[in-house]
Amino acid sequence: MRRIAALMEGVPVESSATHGLDPSLVEAAAFAWLAERTLNNAPGNLAEVTGARGPRVLGAIYPK
């Protein structure tokens, strides 16, 4: 985090624990959020970050 903070001068860098999310659960929470977005046919990207031409649903659901 010190390295990220040094590279992001002027931008606050905090642990997710500061916001009530155990750092060991961040990856699981991210995948759960992506799954929720996909299940609701909602975009999971920000085009200005990903370079996509617009909002996109990420992932797919394959029923048994």
PDB file of N, CA and C in Angstrom:
ATOM      1  N   MET A   1       0.818  -1.179   0.000  1.00  0.00           N
ATOM      2  CA  MET A   1       0.000   0.000   0.000  1.00  0.00           C
ATOM      3  C   MET A   1       0.867   1.249   0.000  1.00  0.00           C
ATOM      4  N   ARG A   2       2.018   1.171   0.665  1.00  0.00           N
ATOM      5  CA  ARG A   2       2.922   2.328   0.651  1.00  0.00           C
ATOM      6  C   ARG A   2       3.381   2.626  -0.771  1.00  0.00           C
ATOM      7  N   ARG A   3       3.667   1.579  -1.534  1.00  0.00           N
ATOM      8  CA  ARG A   3       4.123   1.758  -2.917  1.00  0.00           C
ATOM      9  C   ARG A   3       3.022   2.382  -3.769  1.00  0.00           C
ATOM     10  N   ILE A   4       1.798   1.871  -3.622  1.00  0.00           N
ATOM     11  CA  ILE A   4       0.681   2.436  -4.374  1.00  0.00           C
ATOM     12  C   ILE A   4       0.478   3.892  -3.977  1.00  0.00           C
ATOM     13  N   ALA A   5       0.508   4.180  -2.683  1.00  0.00           N
ATOM     14  CA  ALA A   5       0.334   5.553  -2.207  1.00  0.00           C
ATOM     15  C   ALA A   5       1.423   6.463  -2.780  1.00  0.00           C
ATOM     16  N   ALA A   6       2.647   5.948  -2.865  1.00  0.00           N
ATOM     17  CA  ALA A   6       3.749   6.752  -3.405  1.00  0.00           C
ATOM     18  C   ALA A   6       3.522   7.046  -4.891  1.00  0.00           C
ATOM     19  N   LEU A   7       2.964   6.082  -5.615  1.00  0.00           N
ATOM     20  CA  LEU A   7       2.712   6.268  -7.045  1.00  0.00           C
ATOM     21  C   LEU A   7       1.474   7.119  -7.316  1.00  0.00           C
ATOM     22  N   MET A   8       0.584   7.189  -6.343  1.00  0.00           N
ATOM     23  CA  MET A   8      -0.678   7.916  -6.496  1.00  0.00           C
ATOM     24  C   MET A   8      -0.675   9.172  -5.625  1.00  0.00           C
ATOM     25  N   GLU A   9       0.388   9.918  -5.699  1.00  0.00           N
ATOM     26  CA  GLU A   9       0.539  11.107  -4.861  1.00  0.00           C
ATOM     27  C   GLU A   9      -0.698  12.002  -4.939  1.00  0.00           C
ATOM     28  N   GLY A  10      -1.191  12.373  -3.772  1.00  0.00           N
ATOM     29  CA  GLY A  10      -2.364  13.234  -3.699  1.00  0.00           C
ATOM     30  C   GLY A  10      -3.686  12.501  -3.703  1.00  0.00           C
ATOM     31  N   VAL A  11      -3.634  11.168  -3.890  1.00  0.00           N
ATOM     32  CA  VAL A  11      -4.856  10.360  -3.889  1.00  0.00           C
ATOM     33  C   VAL A  11      -4.858   9.523  -2.623  1.00  0.00           C
ATOM     34  N   PRO A  12      -5.945   9.573  -1.847  1.00  0.00           N
ATOM     35  CA  PRO A  12      -5.978   8.766  -0.623  1.00  0.00           C
ATOM     36  C   PRO A  12      -5.942   7.270  -0.946  1.00  0.00           C
ATOM     37  N   VAL A  13      -5.094   6.532  -0.275  1.00  0.00           N
ATOM     38  CA  VAL A  13      -5.010   5.082  -0.431  1.00  0.00           C
ATOM     39  C   VAL A  13      -5.289   4.481   0.940  1.00  0.00           C
ATOM     40  N   GLU A  14      -6.369   3.685   1.023  1.00  0.00           N
ATOM     41  CA  GLU A  14      -6.789   3.127   2.302  1.00  0.00           C
ATOM     42  C   GLU A  14      -7.038   1.632   2.170  1.00  0.00           C
ATOM     43  N   SER A  15      -6.944   0.945   3.261  1.00  0.00           N
ATOM     44  CA  SER A  15      -7.301  -0.466   3.307  1.00  0.00           C
ATOM     45  C   SER A  15      -8.811  -0.594   3.167  1.00  0.00           C
ATOM     46  N   SER A  16      -9.259  -1.669   2.554  1.00  0.00           N
ATOM     47  CA  SER A  16     -10.699  -1.912   2.480  1.00  0.00           C
ATOM     48  C   SER A  16     -11.291  -2.079   3.881  1.00  0.00           C
ATOM     49  N   ALA A  17     -10.462  -2.461   4.841  1.00  0.00           N
ATOM     50  CA  ALA A  17     -10.926  -2.605   6.227  1.00  0.00           C
ATOM     51  C   ALA A  17     -11.461  -1.281   6.764  1.00  0.00           C
ATOM     52  N   THR A  18     -10.915  -0.179   6.272  1.00  0.00           N
ATOM     53  CA  THR A  18     -11.382   1.141   6.674  1.00  0.00           C
ATOM     54  C   THR A  18     -12.859   1.326   6.326  1.00  0.00           C
ATOM     55  N   HIS A  19     -13.304   0.588   5.313  1.00  0.00           N
ATOM     56  CA  HIS A  19     -14.693   0.710   4.833  1.00  0.00           C
ATOM     57  C   HIS A  19     -15.526  -0.515   5.198  1.00  0.00           C
ATOM     58  N   GLY A  20     -15.023  -1.321   6.128  1.00  0.00           N
ATOM     59  CA  GLY A  20     -15.797  -2.451   6.636  1.00  0.00           C
ATOM     60  C   GLY A  20     -15.662  -3.752   5.867  1.00  0.00           C
ATOM     61  N   LEU A  21     -14.704  -3.847   4.957  1.00  0.00           N
ATOM     62  CA  LEU A  21     -14.511  -5.082   4.199  1.00  0.00           C
ATOM     63  C   LEU A  21     -13.131  -5.655   4.501  1.00  0.00           C
ATOM     64  N   ASP A  22     -13.118  -6.833   5.100  1.00  0.00           N
ATOM     65  CA  ASP A  22     -11.871  -7.525   5.424  1.00  0.00           C
ATOM     66  C   ASP A  22     -11.039  -7.669   4.146  1.00  0.00           C
ATOM     67  N   PRO A  23      -9.779  -7.259   4.152  1.00  0.00           N
ATOM     68  CA  PRO A  23      -8.945  -7.351   2.954  1.00  0.00           C
ATOM     69  C   PRO A  23      -8.857  -8.759   2.359  1.00  0.00           C
ATOM     70  N   SER A  24      -8.997  -9.781   3.179  1.00  0.00           N
ATOM     71  CA  SER A  24      -8.929 -11.147   2.649  1.00  0.00           C
ATOM     72  C   SER A  24     -10.202 -11.524   1.882  1.00  0.00           C
ATOM     73  N   LEU A  25     -11.222 -10.678   1.912  1.00  0.00           N
ATOM     74  CA  LEU A  25     -12.484 -10.961   1.218  1.00  0.00           C
ATOM     75  C   LEU A  25     -12.697 -10.100  -0.024  1.00  0.00           C
ATOM     76  N   VAL A  26     -11.744  -9.254  -0.360  1.00  0.00           N
ATOM     77  CA  VAL A  26     -11.913  -8.329  -1.479  1.00  0.00           C
ATOM     78  C   VAL A  26     -12.128  -9.072  -2.795  1.00  0.00           C
ATOM     79  N   GLU A  27     -11.326 -10.078  -3.081  1.00  0.00           N
ATOM     80  CA  GLU A  27     -11.469 -10.811  -4.351  1.00  0.00           C
ATOM     81  C   GLU A  27     -12.825 -11.494  -4.429  1.00  0.00           C
ATOM     82  N   ALA A  28     -13.238 -12.154  -3.349  1.00  0.00           N
ATOM     83  CA  ALA A  28     -14.544 -12.821  -3.333  1.00  0.00           C
ATOM     84  C   ALA A  28     -15.668 -11.815  -3.529  1.00  0.00           C
ATOM     85  N   ALA A  29     -15.560 -10.657  -2.889  1.00  0.00           N
ATOM     86  CA  ALA A  29     -16.584  -9.622  -3.033  1.00  0.00           C
ATOM     87  C   ALA A  29     -16.639  -9.106  -4.467  1.00  0.00           C
ATOM     88  N   ALA A  30     -15.493  -8.957  -5.094  1.00  0.00           N
ATOM     89  CA  ALA A  30     -15.451  -8.479  -6.477  1.00  0.00           C
ATOM     90  C   ALA A  30     -16.134  -9.474  -7.417  1.00  0.00           C
ATOM     91  N   PHE A  31     -15.852 -10.761  -7.252  1.00  0.00           N
ATOM     92  CA  PHE A  31     -16.487 -11.763  -8.108  1.00  0.00           C
ATOM     93  C   PHE A  31     -17.984 -11.864  -7.828  1.00  0.00           C
ATOM     94  N   ALA A  32     -18.398 -11.706  -6.586  1.00  0.00           N
ATOM     95  CA  ALA A  32     -19.820 -11.709  -6.244  1.00  0.00           C
ATOM     96  C   ALA A  32     -20.514 -10.519  -6.905  1.00  0.00           C
ATOM     97  N   TRP A  33     -19.874  -9.358  -6.889  1.00  0.00           N
ATOM     98  CA  TRP A  33     -20.446  -8.173  -7.523  1.00  0.00           C
ATOM     99  C   TRP A  33     -20.573  -8.384  -9.032  1.00  0.00           C
ATOM    100  N   LEU A  34     -19.527  -8.938  -9.658  1.00  0.00           N
ATOM    101  CA  LEU A  34     -19.591  -9.206 -11.101  1.00  0.00           C
ATOM    102  C   LEU A  34     -20.702 -10.203 -11.423  1.00  0.00           C
ATOM    103  N   ALA A  35     -20.865 -11.234 -10.594  1.00  0.00           N
ATOM    104  CA  ALA A  35     -21.931 -12.227 -10.804  1.00  0.00           C
ATOM    105  C   ALA A  35     -23.299 -11.565 -10.691  1.00  0.00           C
ATOM    106  N   GLU A  36     -23.477 -10.714  -9.695  1.00  0.00           N
ATOM    107  CA  GLU A  36     -24.756 -10.020  -9.516  1.00  0.00           C
ATOM    108  C   GLU A  36     -25.068  -9.156 -10.729  1.00  0.00           C
ATOM    109  N   ARG A  37     -24.073  -8.450 -11.239  1.00  0.00           N
ATOM    110  CA  ARG A  37     -24.275  -7.605 -12.420  1.00  0.00           C
ATOM    111  C   ARG A  37     -24.682  -8.458 -13.624  1.00  0.00           C
ATOM    112  N   THR A  38     -23.997  -9.581 -13.821  1.00  0.00           N
ATOM    113  CA  THR A  38     -24.311 -10.460 -14.949  1.00  0.00           C
ATOM    114  C   THR A  38     -25.714 -11.032 -14.813  1.00  0.00           C
ATOM    115  N   LEU A  39     -26.074 -11.520 -13.622  1.00  0.00           N
ATOM    116  CA  LEU A  39     -27.405 -12.094 -13.410  1.00  0.00           C
ATOM    117  C   LEU A  39     -28.509 -11.079 -13.660  1.00  0.00           C
ATOM    118  N   ASN A  40     -28.219  -9.810 -13.443  1.00  0.00           N
ATOM    119  CA  ASN A  40     -29.204  -8.748 -13.661  1.00  0.00           C
ATOM    120  C   ASN A  40     -29.043  -8.059 -15.015  1.00  0.00           C
ATOM    121  N   ASN A  41     -28.251  -8.679 -15.889  1.00  0.00           N
ATOM    122  CA  ASN A  41     -28.019  -8.146 -17.235  1.00  0.00           C
ATOM    123  C   ASN A  41     -27.584  -6.676 -17.191  1.00  0.00           C
ATOM    124  N   ALA A  42     -26.743  -6.368 -16.226  1.00  0.00           N
ATOM    125  CA  ALA A  42     -26.266  -4.999 -16.030  1.00  0.00           C
ATOM    126  C   ALA A  42     -24.776  -4.931 -16.372  1.00  0.00           C
ATOM    127  N   PRO A  43     -24.325  -3.797 -16.876  1.00  0.00           N
ATOM    128  CA  PRO A  43     -22.908  -3.688 -17.229  1.00  0.00           C
ATOM    129  C   PRO A  43     -22.009  -3.796 -15.997  1.00  0.00           C
ATOM    130  N   GLY A  44     -20.852  -4.396 -16.214  1.00  0.00           N
ATOM    131  CA  GLY A  44     -19.872  -4.544 -15.145  1.00  0.00           C
ATOM    132  C   GLY A  44     -18.585  -3.814 -15.451  1.00  0.00           C
ATOM    133  N   ASN A  45     -18.629  -2.936 -16.431  1.00  0.00           N
ATOM    134  CA  ASN A  45     -17.419  -2.203 -16.821  1.00  0.00           C
ATOM    135  C   ASN A  45     -17.676  -0.708 -16.827  1.00  0.00           C
ATOM    136  N   LEU A  46     -16.610   0.038 -16.869  1.00  0.00           N
ATOM    137  CA  LEU A  46     -16.653   1.473 -17.136  1.00  0.00           C
ATOM    138  C   LEU A  46     -15.884   1.659 -18.440  1.00  0.00           C
ATOM    139  N   ALA A  47     -16.588   2.026 -19.485  1.00  0.00           N
ATOM    140  CA  ALA A  47     -15.969   2.122 -20.809  1.00  0.00           C
ATOM    141  C   ALA A  47     -14.743   3.028 -20.813  1.00  0.00           C
ATOM    142  N   GLU A  48     -14.791   4.099 -20.029  1.00  0.00           N
ATOM    143  CA  GLU A  48     -13.647   5.015 -20.013  1.00  0.00           C
ATOM    144  C   GLU A  48     -12.417   4.388 -19.369  1.00  0.00           C
ATOM    145  N   VAL A  49     -12.608   3.296 -18.634  1.00  0.00           N
ATOM    146  CA  VAL A  49     -11.486   2.595 -18.007  1.00  0.00           C
ATOM    147  C   VAL A  49     -11.038   1.416 -18.873  1.00  0.00           C
ATOM    148  N   THR A  50     -12.013   0.659 -19.412  1.00  0.00           N
ATOM    149  CA  THR A  50     -11.685  -0.558 -20.159  1.00  0.00           C
ATOM    150  C   THR A  50     -11.367  -0.310 -21.622  1.00  0.00           C
ATOM    151  N   GLY A  51     -11.817   0.830 -22.158  1.00  0.00           N
ATOM    152  CA  GLY A  51     -11.616   1.096 -23.580  1.00  0.00           C
ATOM    153  C   GLY A  51     -12.720   0.513 -24.438  1.00  0.00           C
ATOM    154  N   ALA A  52     -13.736  -0.100 -23.832  1.00  0.00           N
ATOM    155  CA  ALA A  52     -14.867  -0.635 -24.597  1.00  0.00           C
ATOM    156  C   ALA A  52     -15.635   0.523 -25.225  1.00  0.00           C
ATOM    157  N   ARG A  53     -16.439   0.213 -26.219  1.00  0.00           N
ATOM    158  CA  ARG A  53     -17.214   1.254 -26.894  1.00  0.00           C
ATOM    159  C   ARG A  53     -18.430   1.692 -26.082  1.00  0.00           C
ATOM    160  N   GLY A  54     -18.686   1.023 -24.993  1.00  0.00           N
ATOM    161  CA  GLY A  54     -19.825   1.369 -24.141  1.00  0.00           C
ATOM    162  C   GLY A  54     -19.965   0.359 -23.029  1.00  0.00           C
ATOM    163  N   PRO A  55     -21.047   0.453 -22.257  1.00  0.00           N
ATOM    164  CA  PRO A  55     -21.271  -0.489 -21.163  1.00  0.00           C
ATOM    165  C   PRO A  55     -21.421  -1.912 -21.693  1.00  0.00           C
ATOM    166  N   ARG A  56     -20.866  -2.872 -20.978  1.00  0.00           N
ATOM    167  CA  ARG A  56     -20.943  -4.272 -21.392  1.00  0.00           C
ATOM    168  C   ARG A  56     -21.272  -5.160 -20.195  1.00  0.00           C
ATOM    169  N   VAL A  57     -22.124  -6.158 -20.439  1.00  0.00           N
ATOM    170  CA  VAL A  57     -22.352  -7.200 -19.446  1.00  0.00           C
ATOM    171  C   VAL A  57     -21.142  -8.117 -19.530  1.00  0.00           C
ATOM    172  N   LEU A  58     -20.529  -8.388 -18.401  1.00  0.00           N
ATOM    173  CA  LEU A  58     -19.326  -9.220 -18.377  1.00  0.00           C
ATOM    174  C   LEU A  58     -19.698 -10.620 -17.901  1.00  0.00           C
ATOM    175  N   GLY A  59     -19.198 -11.622 -18.570  1.00  0.00           N
ATOM    176  CA  GLY A  59     -19.491 -12.987 -18.183  1.00  0.00           C
ATOM    177  C   GLY A  59     -20.749 -13.510 -18.851  1.00  0.00           C
ATOM    178  N   ALA A  60     -21.063 -14.748 -18.557  1.00  0.00           N
ATOM    179  CA  ALA A  60     -22.235 -15.392 -19.138  1.00  0.00           C
ATOM    180  C   ALA A  60     -22.745 -16.445 -18.158  1.00  0.00           C
ATOM    181  N   ILE A  61     -24.023 -16.794 -18.310  1.00  0.00           N
ATOM    182  CA  ILE A  61     -24.632 -17.819 -17.474  1.00  0.00           C
ATOM    183  C   ILE A  61     -24.918 -19.016 -18.368  1.00  0.00           C
ATOM    184  N   TYR A  62     -24.442 -20.180 -17.977  1.00  0.00           N
ATOM    185  CA  TYR A  62     -24.651 -21.401 -18.733  1.00  0.00           C
ATOM    186  C   TYR A  62     -25.446 -22.383 -17.877  1.00  0.00           C
ATOM    187  N   PRO A  63     -26.763 -22.500 -18.144  1.00  0.00           N
ATOM    188  CA  PRO A  63     -27.571 -23.424 -17.337  1.00  0.00           C
ATOM    189  C   PRO A  63     -27.143 -24.856 -17.544  1.00  0.00           C
ATOM    190  N   LYS A  64     -27.446 -25.688 -16.547  1.00  0.00           N
ATOM    191  CA  LYS A  64     -27.132 -27.116 -16.661  1.00  0.00           C
ATOM    192  C   LYS A  64     -27.842 -27.751 -17.810  1.00  0.00           C
TER     193      LYS A  64
END
